[in-house]
Amino acid sequence: MKEKGISQYALYTTYNINRSQLNRLRHNENVQVNTIDKLCNILHCRVEDMLGNFDDDNQFDITRADLMRMGLLMGNDSRRRREYLGEKLRIGYSNGKQLLKRLELFGITLAEVEEAMERYEG
């Protein structure tokens, strides 16, 4: 995926690939054949290219300090900010303790969080 310039986040949001199916594929678990077919069409590859070669390209680069800086933790309106972020990134709401884990699970980058929060109007 990295060579094709397509992030996991783009697969979720733009191409509507199920997050759990990608997670299962990364961990060499059973996945639906139509998911593999969709991925091959998106990435312009063959099924045999996909099987056994799905690397986790998650370059997670977000820290608690980043979340605090953006007002997502320990702020007066941090709950509303997290609700907004969850809606914009389509990852659902999470409390302050779970936000970092959820962002990592979905492969969200710091740049994607910052871009979403730039449009926040409290």
N, C-alpha and C. Protein backbone atom coordinates (compact mmCIF):
# COMPACT_ATOMS: atom_id res chain seq x y z
N MET A 1 0.82 -1.18 0.00
CA MET A 1 0.00 0.00 0.00
C MET A 1 0.86 1.24 0.00
N LYS A 2 1.93 1.18 0.76
CA LYS A 2 2.80 2.35 0.87
C LYS A 2 3.34 2.75 -0.50
N GLU A 3 3.75 1.74 -1.31
CA GLU A 3 4.30 2.03 -2.63
C GLU A 3 3.27 2.67 -3.55
N LYS A 4 2.00 2.35 -3.34
CA LYS A 4 0.92 2.88 -4.17
C LYS A 4 0.42 4.23 -3.66
N GLY A 5 0.91 4.68 -2.50
CA GLY A 5 0.51 5.97 -1.95
C GLY A 5 -0.89 5.98 -1.36
N ILE A 6 -1.36 4.82 -0.91
CA ILE A 6 -2.69 4.72 -0.33
C ILE A 6 -2.56 4.32 1.13
N SER A 7 -3.09 5.15 2.02
CA SER A 7 -3.00 4.87 3.45
C SER A 7 -4.14 3.97 3.89
N GLN A 8 -3.98 3.38 5.07
CA GLN A 8 -5.06 2.57 5.64
C GLN A 8 -6.29 3.44 5.85
N TYR A 9 -6.09 4.66 6.28
CA TYR A 9 -7.20 5.58 6.52
C TYR A 9 -7.98 5.82 5.22
N ALA A 10 -7.26 5.97 4.11
CA ALA A 10 -7.93 6.16 2.82
C ALA A 10 -8.73 4.92 2.44
N LEU A 11 -8.20 3.75 2.75
CA LEU A 11 -8.95 2.53 2.46
C LEU A 11 -10.26 2.50 3.22
N TYR A 12 -10.25 2.97 4.49
CA TYR A 12 -11.48 3.00 5.29
C TYR A 12 -12.47 4.02 4.74
N THR A 13 -11.99 5.23 4.51
CA THR A 13 -12.89 6.34 4.23
C THR A 13 -13.22 6.49 2.75
N THR A 14 -12.25 6.37 1.89
CA THR A 14 -12.47 6.60 0.47
C THR A 14 -12.98 5.36 -0.25
N TYR A 15 -12.39 4.22 0.08
CA TYR A 15 -12.72 2.99 -0.64
C TYR A 15 -13.68 2.07 0.13
N ASN A 16 -14.07 2.49 1.34
CA ASN A 16 -15.03 1.73 2.17
C ASN A 16 -14.60 0.28 2.43
N ILE A 17 -13.32 0.08 2.67
CA ILE A 17 -12.83 -1.24 3.08
C ILE A 17 -13.04 -1.36 4.58
N ASN A 18 -13.60 -2.48 5.00
CA ASN A 18 -13.90 -2.70 6.41
C ASN A 18 -12.61 -2.76 7.23
N ARG A 19 -12.57 -1.97 8.30
CA ARG A 19 -11.38 -1.91 9.16
C ARG A 19 -11.04 -3.27 9.76
N SER A 20 -12.05 -3.98 10.19
CA SER A 20 -11.78 -5.27 10.82
C SER A 20 -11.20 -6.27 9.82
N GLN A 21 -11.61 -6.17 8.57
CA GLN A 21 -11.05 -7.07 7.55
C GLN A 21 -9.57 -6.77 7.32
N LEU A 22 -9.20 -5.49 7.28
CA LEU A 22 -7.78 -5.13 7.14
C LEU A 22 -6.97 -5.62 8.33
N ASN A 23 -7.54 -5.46 9.51
CA ASN A 23 -6.86 -5.92 10.72
C ASN A 23 -6.66 -7.43 10.67
N ARG A 24 -7.67 -8.15 10.23
CA ARG A 24 -7.58 -9.61 10.13
C ARG A 24 -6.51 -9.99 9.09
N LEU A 25 -6.47 -9.28 7.98
CA LEU A 25 -5.48 -9.56 6.95
C LEU A 25 -4.07 -9.32 7.46
N ARG A 26 -3.88 -8.24 8.22
CA ARG A 26 -2.56 -7.94 8.79
C ARG A 26 -2.09 -9.03 9.73
N HIS A 27 -3.03 -9.65 10.43
CA HIS A 27 -2.69 -10.68 11.42
C HIS A 27 -2.83 -12.09 10.87
N ASN A 28 -2.86 -12.23 9.55
CA ASN A 28 -2.94 -13.53 8.88
C ASN A 28 -4.13 -14.37 9.35
N GLU A 29 -5.26 -13.70 9.56
CA GLU A 29 -6.49 -14.39 9.92
C GLU A 29 -7.38 -14.46 8.68
N ASN A 30 -8.47 -15.20 8.77
CA ASN A 30 -9.39 -15.34 7.64
C ASN A 30 -10.03 -14.00 7.29
N VAL A 31 -10.10 -13.74 6.00
CA VAL A 31 -10.76 -12.53 5.50
C VAL A 31 -11.72 -12.92 4.38
N GLN A 32 -12.65 -12.04 4.10
CA GLN A 32 -13.60 -12.29 3.03
C GLN A 32 -12.91 -12.13 1.68
N VAL A 33 -13.28 -13.00 0.75
CA VAL A 33 -12.67 -12.98 -0.57
C VAL A 33 -12.97 -11.66 -1.28
N ASN A 34 -14.17 -11.13 -1.09
CA ASN A 34 -14.48 -9.86 -1.77
C ASN A 34 -13.60 -8.72 -1.26
N THR A 35 -13.13 -8.79 -0.01
CA THR A 35 -12.22 -7.77 0.51
C THR A 35 -10.88 -7.84 -0.22
N ILE A 36 -10.38 -9.04 -0.40
CA ILE A 36 -9.11 -9.21 -1.13
C ILE A 36 -9.27 -8.73 -2.57
N ASP A 37 -10.41 -9.06 -3.18
CA ASP A 37 -10.67 -8.63 -4.55
C ASP A 37 -10.72 -7.10 -4.65
N LYS A 38 -11.41 -6.46 -3.70
CA LYS A 38 -11.47 -4.99 -3.68
C LYS A 38 -10.08 -4.38 -3.55
N LEU A 39 -9.29 -4.93 -2.60
CA LEU A 39 -7.94 -4.41 -2.39
C LEU A 39 -7.09 -4.55 -3.65
N CYS A 40 -7.20 -5.68 -4.31
CA CYS A 40 -6.42 -5.90 -5.53
C CYS A 40 -6.83 -4.90 -6.62
N ASN A 41 -8.11 -4.61 -6.71
CA ASN A 41 -8.57 -3.62 -7.69
C ASN A 41 -8.05 -2.23 -7.35
N ILE A 42 -8.08 -1.88 -6.08
CA ILE A 42 -7.61 -0.56 -5.64
C ILE A 42 -6.10 -0.42 -5.86
N LEU A 43 -5.37 -1.47 -5.50
CA LEU A 43 -3.91 -1.42 -5.55
C LEU A 43 -3.33 -1.89 -6.90
N HIS A 44 -4.22 -2.29 -7.81
CA HIS A 44 -3.81 -2.76 -9.14
C HIS A 44 -2.78 -3.89 -9.03
N CYS A 45 -3.19 -4.93 -8.32
CA CYS A 45 -2.30 -6.09 -8.17
C CYS A 45 -3.11 -7.36 -8.33
N ARG A 46 -2.43 -8.48 -8.29
CA ARG A 46 -3.08 -9.79 -8.38
C ARG A 46 -3.30 -10.33 -6.97
N VAL A 47 -4.23 -11.26 -6.84
CA VAL A 47 -4.54 -11.85 -5.54
C VAL A 47 -3.28 -12.48 -4.94
N GLU A 48 -2.52 -13.19 -5.74
CA GLU A 48 -1.32 -13.84 -5.22
C GLU A 48 -0.27 -12.83 -4.73
N ASP A 49 -0.31 -11.62 -5.28
CA ASP A 49 0.58 -10.56 -4.79
C ASP A 49 0.17 -10.12 -3.39
N MET A 50 -1.12 -10.17 -3.12
CA MET A 50 -1.66 -9.70 -1.85
C MET A 50 -1.42 -10.70 -0.72
N LEU A 51 -1.62 -11.96 -0.99
CA LEU A 51 -1.55 -12.97 0.06
C LEU A 51 -0.14 -13.17 0.57
N GLY A 52 0.01 -13.10 1.86
CA GLY A 52 1.30 -13.33 2.49
C GLY A 52 2.23 -12.14 2.49
N ASN A 53 1.82 -11.05 1.86
CA ASN A 53 2.70 -9.89 1.76
C ASN A 53 2.07 -8.62 2.30
N PHE A 54 1.09 -8.74 3.15
CA PHE A 54 0.40 -7.55 3.66
C PHE A 54 1.13 -7.08 4.91
N ASP A 55 1.92 -6.03 4.77
CA ASP A 55 2.68 -5.50 5.89
C ASP A 55 1.88 -4.43 6.59
N ASP A 56 2.09 -4.34 7.86
CA ASP A 56 1.47 -3.27 8.64
C ASP A 56 2.31 -2.02 8.45
N ASP A 57 1.81 -1.10 7.64
CA ASP A 57 2.56 0.12 7.35
C ASP A 57 2.19 1.25 8.29
N ASN A 58 1.65 0.89 9.42
CA ASN A 58 1.21 1.88 10.39
C ASN A 58 2.42 2.63 10.96
N GLN A 59 2.51 3.88 10.62
CA GLN A 59 3.59 4.74 11.11
C GLN A 59 3.02 5.66 12.19
N PHE A 60 2.58 5.08 13.29
CA PHE A 60 1.87 5.85 14.30
C PHE A 60 2.81 6.87 14.93
N ASP A 61 2.39 8.14 14.88
CA ASP A 61 3.27 9.22 15.30
C ASP A 61 2.59 10.21 16.25
N ILE A 62 1.55 9.77 16.95
CA ILE A 62 0.81 10.67 17.83
C ILE A 62 1.14 10.35 19.29
N THR A 63 1.34 11.39 20.08
CA THR A 63 1.62 11.21 21.50
C THR A 63 0.51 11.86 22.32
N ARG A 64 0.49 11.57 23.60
CA ARG A 64 -0.47 12.21 24.51
C ARG A 64 -0.25 13.73 24.52
N ALA A 65 0.99 14.13 24.41
CA ALA A 65 1.29 15.57 24.38
C ALA A 65 0.64 16.23 23.16
N ASP A 66 0.63 15.54 22.02
CA ASP A 66 -0.03 16.08 20.84
C ASP A 66 -1.53 16.25 21.09
N LEU A 67 -2.13 15.25 21.72
CA LEU A 67 -3.56 15.31 22.00
C LEU A 67 -3.88 16.43 22.98
N MET A 68 -3.02 16.63 23.96
CA MET A 68 -3.22 17.72 24.91
C MET A 68 -3.07 19.08 24.22
N ARG A 69 -2.08 19.19 23.36
CA ARG A 69 -1.85 20.44 22.62
C ARG A 69 -3.07 20.83 21.78
N MET A 70 -3.76 19.84 21.23
CA MET A 70 -4.94 20.10 20.41
C MET A 70 -6.22 20.19 21.23
N GLY A 71 -6.08 20.11 22.56
CA GLY A 71 -7.25 20.24 23.42
C GLY A 71 -8.13 19.02 23.49
N LEU A 72 -7.61 17.87 23.10
CA LEU A 72 -8.39 16.64 23.10
C LEU A 72 -8.34 15.92 24.44
N LEU A 73 -7.39 16.30 25.28
CA LEU A 73 -7.26 15.73 26.62
C LEU A 73 -7.14 16.85 27.64
N MET A 74 -7.76 16.64 28.79
CA MET A 74 -7.60 17.52 29.95
C MET A 74 -7.96 18.98 29.69
N GLY A 75 -8.92 19.23 28.82
CA GLY A 75 -9.36 20.60 28.56
C GLY A 75 -10.82 20.78 28.93
N ASN A 76 -11.25 22.02 28.97
CA ASN A 76 -12.64 22.30 29.33
C ASN A 76 -13.63 21.72 28.33
N ASP A 77 -13.29 21.76 27.04
CA ASP A 77 -14.20 21.23 26.03
C ASP A 77 -13.61 20.02 25.31
N SER A 78 -12.74 19.29 25.99
CA SER A 78 -12.07 18.16 25.35
C SER A 78 -13.05 17.07 24.89
N ARG A 79 -14.12 16.87 25.66
CA ARG A 79 -15.11 15.87 25.25
C ARG A 79 -15.73 16.25 23.92
N ARG A 80 -16.14 17.50 23.76
CA ARG A 80 -16.73 17.95 22.50
C ARG A 80 -15.72 17.84 21.36
N ARG A 81 -14.47 18.15 21.66
CA ARG A 81 -13.43 18.04 20.63
C ARG A 81 -13.25 16.58 20.19
N ARG A 82 -13.27 15.65 21.15
CA ARG A 82 -13.14 14.23 20.81
C ARG A 82 -14.36 13.74 20.02
N GLU A 83 -15.54 14.22 20.38
CA GLU A 83 -16.75 13.86 19.62
C GLU A 83 -16.63 14.35 18.18
N TYR A 84 -16.18 15.58 18.02
CA TYR A 84 -15.98 16.16 16.70
C TYR A 84 -14.96 15.35 15.90
N LEU A 85 -13.83 15.05 16.53
CA LEU A 85 -12.77 14.30 15.86
C LEU A 85 -13.26 12.92 15.44
N GLY A 86 -13.94 12.22 16.34
CA GLY A 86 -14.47 10.89 16.02
C GLY A 86 -15.42 10.92 14.84
N GLU A 87 -16.22 11.97 14.77
CA GLU A 87 -17.16 12.11 13.66
C GLU A 87 -16.42 12.40 12.35
N LYS A 88 -15.48 13.33 12.39
CA LYS A 88 -14.75 13.72 11.18
C LYS A 88 -13.89 12.59 10.63
N LEU A 89 -13.26 11.83 11.53
CA LEU A 89 -12.39 10.73 11.08
C LEU A 89 -13.15 9.42 10.91
N ARG A 90 -14.44 9.45 11.27
CA ARG A 90 -15.30 8.28 11.17
C ARG A 90 -14.77 7.10 11.99
N ILE A 91 -14.34 7.41 13.22
CA ILE A 91 -13.85 6.36 14.10
C ILE A 91 -14.69 6.25 15.36
N GLY A 92 -15.71 7.08 15.49
CA GLY A 92 -16.57 7.06 16.66
C GLY A 92 -15.95 7.78 17.84
N TYR A 93 -16.77 7.96 18.87
CA TYR A 93 -16.31 8.66 20.07
C TYR A 93 -15.46 7.73 20.93
N SER A 94 -14.45 8.30 21.55
CA SER A 94 -13.70 7.56 22.57
C SER A 94 -13.32 8.53 23.68
N ASN A 95 -13.25 7.99 24.88
CA ASN A 95 -12.88 8.85 26.01
C ASN A 95 -11.39 9.17 25.95
N GLY A 96 -10.94 10.00 26.85
CA GLY A 96 -9.55 10.44 26.85
C GLY A 96 -8.55 9.31 26.99
N LYS A 97 -8.91 8.30 27.78
CA LYS A 97 -7.98 7.19 27.98
C LYS A 97 -7.86 6.30 26.74
N GLN A 98 -8.91 6.22 25.95
CA GLN A 98 -8.91 5.30 24.81
C GLN A 98 -8.58 5.96 23.47
N LEU A 99 -8.57 7.28 23.43
CA LEU A 99 -8.39 7.97 22.16
C LEU A 99 -7.09 7.59 21.46
N LEU A 100 -6.00 7.59 22.16
CA LEU A 100 -4.71 7.28 21.55
C LEU A 100 -4.71 5.86 20.98
N LYS A 101 -5.27 4.91 21.73
CA LYS A 101 -5.34 3.53 21.25
C LYS A 101 -6.19 3.42 20.00
N ARG A 102 -7.31 4.13 19.98
CA ARG A 102 -8.21 4.07 18.83
C ARG A 102 -7.55 4.67 17.60
N LEU A 103 -6.87 5.79 17.76
CA LEU A 103 -6.18 6.40 16.63
C LEU A 103 -5.13 5.46 16.06
N GLU A 104 -4.41 4.79 16.93
CA GLU A 104 -3.39 3.84 16.47
C GLU A 104 -4.04 2.65 15.78
N LEU A 105 -5.10 2.13 16.36
CA LEU A 105 -5.79 0.98 15.78
C LEU A 105 -6.24 1.26 14.35
N PHE A 106 -6.74 2.47 14.11
CA PHE A 106 -7.24 2.82 12.79
C PHE A 106 -6.17 3.38 11.88
N GLY A 107 -4.94 3.46 12.36
CA GLY A 107 -3.84 3.92 11.52
C GLY A 107 -3.91 5.40 11.16
N ILE A 108 -4.47 6.20 12.06
CA ILE A 108 -4.61 7.63 11.83
C ILE A 108 -3.28 8.32 12.15
N THR A 109 -2.86 9.23 11.30
CA THR A 109 -1.60 9.94 11.51
C THR A 109 -1.84 11.28 12.21
N LEU A 110 -0.78 11.84 12.72
CA LEU A 110 -0.85 13.15 13.36
C LEU A 110 -1.35 14.20 12.37
N ALA A 111 -0.88 14.14 11.15
CA ALA A 111 -1.31 15.11 10.13
C ALA A 111 -2.81 15.04 9.90
N GLU A 112 -3.37 13.83 9.89
CA GLU A 112 -4.81 13.67 9.68
C GLU A 112 -5.60 14.24 10.86
N VAL A 113 -5.12 14.04 12.08
CA VAL A 113 -5.79 14.60 13.26
C VAL A 113 -5.71 16.12 13.23
N GLU A 114 -4.52 16.65 12.93
CA GLU A 114 -4.35 18.10 12.89
C GLU A 114 -5.24 18.73 11.82
N GLU A 115 -5.33 18.09 10.67
CA GLU A 115 -6.17 18.61 9.60
C GLU A 115 -7.64 18.64 10.02
N ALA A 116 -8.09 17.59 10.65
CA ALA A 116 -9.49 17.55 11.12
C ALA A 116 -9.75 18.61 12.18
N MET A 117 -8.81 18.79 13.09
CA MET A 117 -9.00 19.74 14.19
C MET A 117 -8.85 21.19 13.76
N GLU A 118 -8.21 21.45 12.63
CA GLU A 118 -8.11 22.82 12.12
C GLU A 118 -9.49 23.41 11.85
N ARG A 119 -10.43 22.55 11.49
CA ARG A 119 -11.78 23.00 11.14
C ARG A 119 -12.72 23.03 12.34
N TYR A 120 -12.20 22.68 13.51
CA TYR A 120 -13.05 22.66 14.70
C TYR A 120 -13.40 24.07 15.14
N GLU A 121 -14.68 24.28 15.35
CA GLU A 121 -15.15 25.57 15.86
C GLU A 121 -15.95 25.31 17.10
N GLY A 122 -15.35 25.50 18.25
CA GLY A 122 -15.97 25.20 19.52
C GLY A 122 -16.97 26.19 19.88
